[in-house]
Structures are given as structure tokens and as C-alpha cells.
């Protein structure tokens, strides 16, 4: 799980999209985020979630803040990079949380989430996945880990490229957007082993051997990461618009 996370961050750094000195905000965050950011070398990060049981230094050397991903208490463009790793599907409105991330980002947004496809939906019907994430609540002694970190198992919202593009373009129609996608095949070996069905484990092991091909053949992937580069004005303004002072207005053809 961390490999896909750290490798994607590494690619974005190598391409100059982000730097390890950037200020980072993590929504729906946890220790996986802390460990991954440290491994990549990020210096400044604020990890947020809605779990009040954490002590202030739980994610040291990074800071922690109590924040609802769907309603962040930060001004626009506060952080260079905003990240969510497997957290948006725990929100009541994953799209709202994504757009809040977009709002407070200055350079870009990086999201890791389950990917939707016909193959994935078939896998759920055959017992290789779940529509409601009961396992997360069970792992937290049936007290939290579900929707909005409650004891109610969340629906596993799975994304497609098209959904990401529609959400961002609807929120910010003033600008053109540049998006990049990454893919991975993650096998829930632990969850399948708990079912104790030999067929499930056998098939999971086969897919495990093919996991490295998911980046080449996206149709095999059950996880997607997407990076949304934040548009810059006036460079990325739509051709039918113009910047007048600090205001965007329609560019008359007359």
C-alpha cells in the first residue's frame, strides 16, 4: 500500500510538479501518511482527520489538526500540495471533500482511491471486494472507522477518470485543467484470508503475481491515483474568458 503512495510522490517530484520542501496538507490522514511523507523526505506537513482521541504530537515531526475533510477551515491556496490517501470514500460526500482539497491547494491535489470498473463490480459480486467497508469498523473494535469515522460502515465510493474530470471542471469552469493518473492492483489478502475460502486465496495469489502489470494495463487496476495540477491565471484561463484586474469576465467577440 505504501509503495504505490511513495512511488507516485517520487514520480511527481522527479517531474518537478512538487518538491520535498513544499507545504503539505493531508486530509483523512493517519500514520501511513506520516511514514510515507517521511520516507520521501517532506519537511513540512499537517495531517488532519476527525479523530479527537489523538494527542497533539501523534504524527511528529509533522503537526496534527482536527479538520473535517468536507469543510476545511483553511483559506484558499493555503498549502502547496493537498493529499488524501484512501480517505475520500469515508466521507459522506467524496466529491465535496475533493473540491475542498482543490480549494486550499496552491500547486496541486493528489488523491488515492479505489477505482471503479466492470471488472471490479464483478469482483464484489463474487466476494473479492465489498460495497460497504465493514472490515474497517471491525478492525476498530466496532467503535469507529466508518463513514465520517463513525461506527457505521461507509460505502466504498470508487472513482473513474471521467468522474474526476467532471467534478473539477464543474467547480472551476474558468480554467483548463491538467490531470495525471496512476494505477495499481492491490490485493486484500488479509480480508480474503479471514473468509477462509481457498478459491478466493488462489485467485488473489494469481492476481498478486500480475500486480506489476496494472500500471501498464489500467483495466487490471483496482486503485487509482490522480494528480490535479492547480491552474495558473491568466495562463490557464479558458479562451472565451479574460482577466480584468482580479475578476474573470467573458471575452466579448466584438
C-alpha atoms as a PDB file:
ATOM      1  CA  UNK A   1       0.000   0.000   0.000  1.00  0.00           C
ATOM      2  CA  UNK A   2       2.758   2.436   0.949  1.00  0.00           C
ATOM      3  CA  UNK A   3       4.800   1.512  -2.143  1.00  0.00           C
ATOM      4  CA  UNK A   4       2.212   2.897  -4.574  1.00  0.00           C
ATOM      5  CA  UNK A   5       1.897   6.004  -2.381  1.00  0.00           C
ATOM      6  CA  UNK A   6       5.626   6.734  -2.116  1.00  0.00           C
ATOM      7  CA  UNK A   7       6.371   5.816  -5.735  1.00  0.00           C
ATOM      8  CA  UNK A   8       3.716   8.212  -7.008  1.00  0.00           C
ATOM      9  CA  UNK A   9       5.070  11.039  -4.857  1.00  0.00           C
ATOM     10  CA  UNK A  10       8.558  10.253  -6.134  1.00  0.00           C
ATOM     11  CA  UNK A  11       7.411  10.476  -9.751  1.00  0.00           C
ATOM     12  CA  UNK A  12       5.795  13.864  -9.176  1.00  0.00           C
ATOM     13  CA  UNK A  13       8.958  15.167  -7.519  1.00  0.00           C
ATOM     14  CA  UNK A  14      11.135  13.900 -10.379  1.00  0.00           C
ATOM     15  CA  UNK A  15       8.874  15.652 -12.889  1.00  0.00           C
ATOM     16  CA  UNK A  16       9.085  18.930 -10.999  1.00  0.00           C
ATOM     17  CA  UNK A  17       5.388  19.075 -10.135  1.00  0.00           C
ATOM     18  CA  UNK A  18       6.161  19.261  -6.416  1.00  0.00           C
ATOM     19  CA  UNK A  19       9.223  19.441  -4.139  1.00  0.00           C
ATOM     20  CA  UNK A  20      10.036  17.906  -0.773  1.00  0.00           C
ATOM     21  CA  UNK A  21      10.161  21.421   0.691  1.00  0.00           C
ATOM     22  CA  UNK A  22       6.520  22.125  -0.235  1.00  0.00           C
ATOM     23  CA  UNK A  23       3.955  22.662   2.498  1.00  0.00           C
ATOM     24  CA  UNK A  24       1.637  19.646   2.609  1.00  0.00           C
ATOM     25  CA  UNK A  25      -1.861  19.137   3.962  1.00  0.00           C
ATOM     26  CA  UNK A  26      -3.188  15.591   4.400  1.00  0.00           C
ATOM     27  CA  UNK A  27      -6.926  15.061   4.813  1.00  0.00           C
ATOM     28  CA  UNK A  28      -8.408  11.901   6.380  1.00  0.00           C
ATOM     29  CA  UNK A  29      -4.828  11.241   7.476  1.00  0.00           C
ATOM     30  CA  UNK A  30      -3.099   8.635   9.591  1.00  0.00           C
ATOM     31  CA  UNK A  31       0.234   7.011  10.379  1.00  0.00           C
ATOM     32  CA  UNK A  32       0.617   5.638   6.852  1.00  0.00           C
ATOM     33  CA  UNK A  33       0.685   9.231   5.641  1.00  0.00           C
ATOM     34  CA  UNK A  34       3.246  10.249   8.271  1.00  0.00           C
ATOM     35  CA  UNK A  35       5.529   7.316   7.476  1.00  0.00           C
ATOM     36  CA  UNK A  36       5.250   7.765   3.702  1.00  0.00           C
ATOM     37  CA  UNK A  37       5.911  11.506   3.760  1.00  0.00           C
ATOM     38  CA  UNK A  38       8.947  10.937   5.962  1.00  0.00           C
ATOM     39  CA  UNK A  39      10.291   8.238   3.639  1.00  0.00           C
ATOM     40  CA  UNK A  40      10.059  10.605   0.675  1.00  0.00           C
ATOM     41  CA  UNK A  41      11.670  13.459   2.608  1.00  0.00           C
ATOM     42  CA  UNK A  42       8.891  16.001   3.050  1.00  0.00           C
ATOM     43  CA  UNK A  43       9.806  18.634   5.613  1.00  0.00           C
ATOM     44  CA  UNK A  44       6.522  20.403   6.384  1.00  0.00           C
ATOM     45  CA  UNK A  45       3.166  18.675   6.699  1.00  0.00           C
ATOM     46  CA  UNK A  46      -0.106  19.000   8.571  1.00  0.00           C
ATOM     47  CA  UNK A  47      -2.008  15.741   8.937  1.00  0.00           C
ATOM     48  CA  UNK A  48      -5.721  16.128   9.635  1.00  0.00           C
ATOM     49  CA  UNK A  49      -8.680  13.915  10.487  1.00  0.00           C
ATOM     50  CA  UNK A  50     -11.798  13.850  12.681  1.00  0.00           C
ATOM     51  CA  UNK A  51     -10.433  11.614  15.431  1.00  0.00           C
ATOM     52  CA  UNK A  52     -10.280  13.569  18.696  1.00  0.00           C
ATOM     53  CA  UNK A  53      -8.503  10.773  20.584  1.00  0.00           C
ATOM     54  CA  UNK A  54      -5.103  11.620  19.075  1.00  0.00           C
ATOM     55  CA  UNK A  55      -2.541  13.521  21.202  1.00  0.00           C
ATOM     56  CA  UNK A  56      -1.087  16.661  19.521  1.00  0.00           C
ATOM     57  CA  UNK A  57       2.257  15.002  18.753  1.00  0.00           C
ATOM     58  CA  UNK A  58       0.861  11.759  17.312  1.00  0.00           C
ATOM     59  CA  UNK A  59       2.262  12.493  13.839  1.00  0.00           C
ATOM     60  CA  UNK A  60       5.526  14.129  14.915  1.00  0.00           C
ATOM     61  CA  UNK A  61       7.636  15.604  13.389  1.00  0.00           C
ATOM     62  CA  UNK A  62       4.565  16.773  11.463  1.00  0.00           C
ATOM     63  CA  UNK A  63       1.672  18.624  13.048  1.00  0.00           C
ATOM     64  CA  UNK A  64      -1.884  17.382  13.546  1.00  0.00           C
ATOM     65  CA  UNK A  65      -5.135  19.306  13.244  1.00  0.00           C
ATOM     66  CA  UNK A  66      -8.775  18.365  13.735  1.00  0.00           C
ATOM     67  CA  UNK A  67     -10.415  19.012  10.372  1.00  0.00           C
ATOM     68  CA  UNK A  68     -13.497  17.750   8.574  1.00  0.00           C
ATOM     69  CA  UNK A  69     -12.347  16.964   5.021  1.00  0.00           C
ATOM     70  CA  UNK A  70     -15.696  18.155   3.662  1.00  0.00           C
ATOM     71  CA  UNK A  71     -15.410  21.576   5.326  1.00  0.00           C
ATOM     72  CA  UNK A  72     -11.782  22.622   5.814  1.00  0.00           C
ATOM     73  CA  UNK A  73     -11.097  25.672   7.986  1.00  0.00           C
ATOM     74  CA  UNK A  74      -8.290  26.981   5.776  1.00  0.00           C
ATOM     75  CA  UNK A  75      -8.177  29.880   3.341  1.00  0.00           C
ATOM     76  CA  UNK A  76      -7.892  29.308  -0.405  1.00  0.00           C
ATOM     77  CA  UNK A  77      -4.431  28.214  -1.630  1.00  0.00           C
ATOM     78  CA  UNK A  78      -3.023  27.781   1.893  1.00  0.00           C
ATOM     79  CA  UNK A  79      -0.907  24.698   1.112  1.00  0.00           C
ATOM     80  CA  UNK A  80       1.303  23.808  -1.851  1.00  0.00           C
ATOM     81  CA  UNK A  81       0.117  20.195  -2.002  1.00  0.00           C
ATOM     82  CA  UNK A  82      -3.013  18.565  -0.566  1.00  0.00           C
ATOM     83  CA  UNK A  83      -3.145  14.769  -0.262  1.00  0.00           C
ATOM     84  CA  UNK A  84      -5.788  12.196   0.582  1.00  0.00           C
ATOM     85  CA  UNK A  85      -4.811   8.540   0.714  1.00  0.00           C
ATOM     86  CA  UNK A  86      -7.756   6.118   0.813  1.00  0.00           C
ATOM     87  CA  UNK A  87      -9.809   8.615   2.772  1.00  0.00           C
ATOM     88  CA  UNK A  88     -12.398  10.187   0.485  1.00  0.00           C
ATOM     89  CA  UNK A  89     -14.564   7.053   0.429  1.00  0.00           C
ATOM     90  CA  UNK A  90     -15.029   7.529   4.189  1.00  0.00           C
ATOM     91  CA  UNK A  91     -16.750  10.883   3.564  1.00  0.00           C
ATOM     92  CA  UNK A  92     -20.479  11.360   3.170  1.00  0.00           C
ATOM     93  CA  UNK A  93     -19.725  13.394   0.044  1.00  0.00           C
ATOM     94  CA  UNK A  94     -16.399  12.349  -1.534  1.00  0.00           C
ATOM     95  CA  UNK A  95     -16.826  14.992  -4.251  1.00  0.00           C
ATOM     96  CA  UNK A  96     -17.236  17.773  -1.713  1.00  0.00           C
ATOM     97  CA  UNK A  97     -14.088  16.646   0.090  1.00  0.00           C
ATOM     98  CA  UNK A  98     -12.156  16.553  -3.201  1.00  0.00           C
ATOM     99  CA  UNK A  99     -13.211  20.089  -4.065  1.00  0.00           C
ATOM    100  CA  UNK A 100     -12.257  21.339  -0.604  1.00  0.00           C
ATOM    101  CA  UNK A 101      -8.805  19.877  -1.221  1.00  0.00           C
ATOM    102  CA  UNK A 102      -8.693  21.670  -4.557  1.00  0.00           C
ATOM    103  CA  UNK A 103      -9.719  24.953  -2.951  1.00  0.00           C
ATOM    104  CA  UNK A 104      -6.952  25.043  -0.331  1.00  0.00           C
ATOM    105  CA  UNK A 105      -4.189  23.783  -2.684  1.00  0.00           C
ATOM    106  CA  UNK A 106      -1.731  26.105  -4.405  1.00  0.00           C
ATOM    107  CA  UNK A 107       0.247  23.685  -6.629  1.00  0.00           C
ATOM    108  CA  UNK A 108      -1.937  20.611  -6.809  1.00  0.00           C
ATOM    109  CA  UNK A 109      -4.000  17.811  -5.315  1.00  0.00           C
ATOM    110  CA  UNK A 110      -3.025  14.145  -5.051  1.00  0.00           C
ATOM    111  CA  UNK A 111      -5.674  11.529  -4.290  1.00  0.00           C
ATOM    112  CA  UNK A 112      -5.502   7.733  -3.896  1.00  0.00           C
ATOM    113  CA  UNK A 113      -8.813   5.892  -4.057  1.00  0.00           C
ATOM    114  CA  UNK A 114     -10.463   2.632  -5.165  1.00  0.00           C
ATOM    115  CA  UNK A 115     -11.129   2.535  -8.909  1.00  0.00           C
ATOM    116  CA  UNK A 116     -14.481   1.704 -10.442  1.00  0.00           C
ATOM    117  CA  UNK A 117     -14.800  -0.678 -13.395  1.00  0.00           C
ATOM    118  CA  UNK A 118     -16.970  -3.510 -14.652  1.00  0.00           C
ATOM    119  CA  UNK A 119     -14.283  -5.972 -13.567  1.00  0.00           C
ATOM    120  CA  UNK A 120     -14.263  -4.528 -10.050  1.00  0.00           C
ATOM    121  CA  UNK A 121     -18.036  -4.684  -9.732  1.00  0.00           C
ATOM    122  CA  UNK A 122     -17.946  -8.314 -10.832  1.00  0.00           C
ATOM    123  CA  UNK A 123     -15.276  -8.982  -8.215  1.00  0.00           C
ATOM    124  CA  UNK A 124     -17.511  -7.557  -5.495  1.00  0.00           C
ATOM    125  CA  UNK A 125     -20.365  -9.847  -6.560  1.00  0.00           C
ATOM    126  CA  UNK A 126     -18.007 -12.833  -6.390  1.00  0.00           C
ATOM    127  CA  UNK A 127     -16.820 -11.911  -2.912  1.00  0.00           C
ATOM    128  CA  UNK A 128     -13.413 -10.421  -3.739  1.00  0.00           C
ATOM    129  CA  UNK A 129     -14.404  -6.961  -2.545  1.00  0.00           C
ATOM    130  CA  UNK A 130     -17.069  -5.116  -0.605  1.00  0.00           C
ATOM    131  CA  UNK A 131     -19.532  -2.320  -1.249  1.00  0.00           C
ATOM    132  CA  UNK A 132     -19.683  -1.359   2.424  1.00  0.00           C
ATOM    133  CA  UNK A 133     -16.462  -1.323   4.417  1.00  0.00           C
ATOM    134  CA  UNK A 134     -17.382  -3.457   7.407  1.00  0.00           C
ATOM    135  CA  UNK A 135     -13.769  -4.566   7.880  1.00  0.00           C
ATOM    136  CA  UNK A 136     -12.593  -1.066   8.822  1.00  0.00           C
ATOM    137  CA  UNK A 137     -15.168  -0.799  11.616  1.00  0.00           C
ATOM    138  CA  UNK A 138     -14.459  -4.315  12.884  1.00  0.00           C
ATOM    139  CA  UNK A 139     -10.731  -3.518  12.972  1.00  0.00           C
ATOM    140  CA  UNK A 140     -11.514  -0.527  15.224  1.00  0.00           C
ATOM    141  CA  UNK A 141     -13.422  -2.602  17.799  1.00  0.00           C
ATOM    142  CA  UNK A 142     -16.719  -1.593  16.153  1.00  0.00           C
ATOM    143  CA  UNK A 143     -16.424   1.944  17.528  1.00  0.00           C
ATOM    144  CA  UNK A 144     -15.145   3.980  14.572  1.00  0.00           C
ATOM    145  CA  UNK A 145     -13.509   3.705  11.151  1.00  0.00           C
ATOM    146  CA  UNK A 146     -16.689   4.043   9.118  1.00  0.00           C
ATOM    147  CA  UNK A 147     -18.368   6.999   7.446  1.00  0.00           C
ATOM    148  CA  UNK A 148     -17.057  10.252   9.000  1.00  0.00           C
ATOM    149  CA  UNK A 149     -15.099   7.971  11.363  1.00  0.00           C
ATOM    150  CA  UNK A 150     -18.306   6.668  12.965  1.00  0.00           C
ATOM    151  CA  UNK A 151     -19.274   3.073  13.734  1.00  0.00           C
ATOM    152  CA  UNK A 152     -21.455   2.998  10.596  1.00  0.00           C
ATOM    153  CA  UNK A 153     -19.603   1.210   7.764  1.00  0.00           C
ATOM    154  CA  UNK A 154     -19.033   3.562   4.849  1.00  0.00           C
ATOM    155  CA  UNK A 155     -19.978   2.875   1.265  1.00  0.00           C
ATOM    156  CA  UNK A 156     -16.825   2.289  -0.804  1.00  0.00           C
ATOM    157  CA  UNK A 157     -17.082   5.017  -3.435  1.00  0.00           C
ATOM    158  CA  UNK A 158     -14.945   4.031  -6.421  1.00  0.00           C
ATOM    159  CA  UNK A 159     -13.707   6.618  -8.912  1.00  0.00           C
ATOM    160  CA  UNK A 160     -13.172   6.804 -12.652  1.00  0.00           C
ATOM    161  CA  UNK A 161     -11.129   9.295 -14.661  1.00  0.00           C
ATOM    162  CA  UNK A 162     -14.294  10.791 -16.099  1.00  0.00           C
ATOM    163  CA  UNK A 163     -15.811  11.450 -12.680  1.00  0.00           C
ATOM    164  CA  UNK A 164     -12.696  13.295 -11.525  1.00  0.00           C
ATOM    165  CA  UNK A 165     -12.689  15.467 -14.631  1.00  0.00           C
ATOM    166  CA  UNK A 166     -16.401  16.304 -14.395  1.00  0.00           C
ATOM    167  CA  UNK A 167     -16.157  17.252 -10.725  1.00  0.00           C
ATOM    168  CA  UNK A 168     -13.174  19.568 -11.178  1.00  0.00           C
ATOM    169  CA  UNK A 169     -14.427  21.196 -14.369  1.00  0.00           C
ATOM    170  CA  UNK A 170     -17.819  21.879 -12.783  1.00  0.00           C
ATOM    171  CA  UNK A 171     -16.196  23.503  -9.741  1.00  0.00           C
ATOM    172  CA  UNK A 172     -13.709  25.629 -11.704  1.00  0.00           C
ATOM    173  CA  UNK A 173     -15.048  26.179 -15.249  1.00  0.00           C
ATOM    174  CA  UNK A 174     -12.928  29.324 -15.622  1.00  0.00           C
ATOM    175  CA  UNK A 175      -9.761  27.380 -16.341  1.00  0.00           C
ATOM    176  CA  UNK A 176      -8.295  24.486 -18.282  1.00  0.00           C
ATOM    177  CA  UNK A 177      -7.085  21.598 -16.135  1.00  0.00           C
ATOM    178  CA  UNK A 178      -4.170  19.221 -16.373  1.00  0.00           C
ATOM    179  CA  UNK A 179      -4.659  15.845 -14.706  1.00  0.00           C
ATOM    180  CA  UNK A 180      -2.382  12.821 -14.459  1.00  0.00           C
ATOM    181  CA  UNK A 181      -3.394   9.285 -13.486  1.00  0.00           C
ATOM    182  CA  UNK A 182      -1.545   6.384 -11.905  1.00  0.00           C
ATOM    183  CA  UNK A 183      -2.783   2.815 -11.379  1.00  0.00           C
ATOM    184  CA  UNK A 184      -2.138  -0.080  -9.037  1.00  0.00           C
ATOM    185  CA  UNK A 185      -3.546  -3.512  -8.260  1.00  0.00           C
ATOM    186  CA  UNK A 186      -3.860  -4.037  -4.519  1.00  0.00           C
ATOM    187  CA  UNK A 187      -4.923  -7.465  -3.306  1.00  0.00           C
ATOM    188  CA  UNK A 188      -6.861  -7.523   0.017  1.00  0.00           C
ATOM    189  CA  UNK A 189      -5.079 -10.693   1.102  1.00  0.00           C
ATOM    190  CA  UNK A 190      -5.822 -10.229   4.792  1.00  0.00           C
ATOM    191  CA  UNK A 191      -9.565  -9.742   4.266  1.00  0.00           C
ATOM    192  CA  UNK A 192      -9.744 -12.712   1.918  1.00  0.00           C
ATOM    193  CA  UNK A 193      -7.821 -14.945   4.312  1.00  0.00           C
ATOM    194  CA  UNK A 194     -10.391 -14.195   7.006  1.00  0.00           C
ATOM    195  CA  UNK A 195     -13.077 -15.684   4.754  1.00  0.00           C
ATOM    196  CA  UNK A 196     -11.076 -18.913   4.646  1.00  0.00           C
ATOM    197  CA  UNK A 197     -12.134 -19.731   1.131  1.00  0.00           C
ATOM    198  CA  UNK A 198      -9.377 -21.463  -0.787  1.00  0.00           C
ATOM    199  CA  UNK A 199     -10.718 -20.324  -4.153  1.00  0.00           C
ATOM    200  CA  UNK A 200     -10.572 -16.672  -3.106  1.00  0.00           C
ATOM    201  CA  UNK A 201      -6.976 -17.002  -1.914  1.00  0.00           C
ATOM    202  CA  UNK A 202      -5.965 -18.928  -5.022  1.00  0.00           C
ATOM    203  CA  UNK A 203      -7.339 -16.251  -7.341  1.00  0.00           C
ATOM    204  CA  UNK A 204      -5.876 -13.492  -5.150  1.00  0.00           C
ATOM    205  CA  UNK A 205      -2.419 -15.055  -5.416  1.00  0.00           C
ATOM    206  CA  UNK A 206      -2.705 -15.178  -9.200  1.00  0.00           C
ATOM    207  CA  UNK A 207      -3.648 -11.506  -9.340  1.00  0.00           C
ATOM    208  CA  UNK A 208      -0.826 -10.758  -6.920  1.00  0.00           C
ATOM    209  CA  UNK A 209       1.647 -12.077  -9.473  1.00  0.00           C
ATOM    210  CA  UNK A 210       0.105  -9.751 -12.068  1.00  0.00           C
ATOM    211  CA  UNK A 211       0.078  -6.671  -9.822  1.00  0.00           C
ATOM    212  CA  UNK A 212       3.105  -5.144 -11.534  1.00  0.00           C
ATOM    213  CA  UNK A 213       1.229  -5.006 -14.837  1.00  0.00           C
ATOM    214  CA  UNK A 214      -1.550  -2.740 -13.534  1.00  0.00           C
ATOM    215  CA  UNK A 215       0.413   0.398 -14.373  1.00  0.00           C
ATOM    216  CA  UNK A 216       0.748  -0.788 -17.991  1.00  0.00           C
ATOM    217  CA  UNK A 217      -2.788  -2.170 -18.323  1.00  0.00           C
ATOM    218  CA  UNK A 218      -5.103   0.106 -16.285  1.00  0.00           C
ATOM    219  CA  UNK A 219      -8.111  -2.169 -16.815  1.00  0.00           C
ATOM    220  CA  UNK A 220      -6.469  -4.564 -14.328  1.00  0.00           C
ATOM    221  CA  UNK A 221      -6.125  -1.919 -11.609  1.00  0.00           C
ATOM    222  CA  UNK A 222      -8.428  -1.666  -8.619  1.00  0.00           C
ATOM    223  CA  UNK A 223      -6.760   1.507  -7.302  1.00  0.00           C
ATOM    224  CA  UNK A 224      -6.310   4.862  -8.974  1.00  0.00           C
ATOM    225  CA  UNK A 225      -4.250   7.898  -8.014  1.00  0.00           C
ATOM    226  CA  UNK A 226      -4.847  11.218  -9.666  1.00  0.00           C
ATOM    227  CA  UNK A 227      -2.857  14.439  -9.544  1.00  0.00           C
ATOM    228  CA  UNK A 228      -4.701  17.662 -10.352  1.00  0.00           C
ATOM    229  CA  UNK A 229      -2.320  20.484 -11.188  1.00  0.00           C
ATOM    230  CA  UNK A 230      -3.781  23.757  -9.943  1.00  0.00           C
ATOM    231  CA  UNK A 231      -4.343  26.138 -12.893  1.00  0.00           C
ATOM    232  CA  UNK A 232      -2.451  29.422 -13.015  1.00  0.00           C
ATOM    233  CA  UNK A 233      -4.014  32.692 -14.139  1.00  0.00           C
ATOM    234  CA  UNK A 234      -4.003  34.122 -16.708  1.00  0.00           C
ATOM    235  CA  UNK A 235      -2.069  31.307 -18.411  1.00  0.00           C
ATOM    236  CA  UNK A 236      -4.732  28.616 -17.968  1.00  0.00           C
ATOM    237  CA  UNK A 237      -7.802  30.787 -18.443  1.00  0.00           C
ATOM    238  CA  UNK A 238     -10.411  29.457 -20.888  1.00  0.00           C
ATOM    239  CA  UNK A 239     -10.082  31.162 -24.316  1.00  0.00           C
ATOM    240  CA  UNK A 240     -13.585  32.676 -24.049  1.00  0.00           C
ATOM    241  CA  UNK A 241     -12.686  34.461 -20.812  1.00  0.00           C
ATOM    242  CA  UNK A 242     -10.315  37.247 -19.835  1.00  0.00           C
ATOM    243  CA  UNK A 243      -8.864  38.643 -16.624  1.00  0.00           C
ATOM    244  CA  UNK A 244      -9.929  42.181 -15.765  1.00  0.00           C
ATOM    245  CA  UNK A 245      -7.997  43.173 -12.682  1.00  0.00           C
ATOM    246  CA  UNK A 246      -8.741  40.353 -10.252  1.00  0.00           C
ATOM    247  CA  UNK A 247     -12.063  39.475 -11.859  1.00  0.00           C
ATOM    248  CA  UNK A 248     -12.742  36.922 -14.610  1.00  0.00           C
ATOM    249  CA  UNK A 249     -15.142  38.090 -17.276  1.00  0.00           C
ATOM    250  CA  UNK A 250     -16.495  36.928 -20.618  1.00  0.00           C
ATOM    251  CA  UNK A 251     -14.317  37.991 -23.536  1.00  0.00           C
ATOM    252  CA  UNK A 252     -16.697  39.662 -25.956  1.00  0.00           C
ATOM    253  CA  UNK A 253     -16.210  38.782 -29.601  1.00  0.00           C
ATOM    254  CA  UNK A 254     -16.951  42.386 -30.589  1.00  0.00           C
END
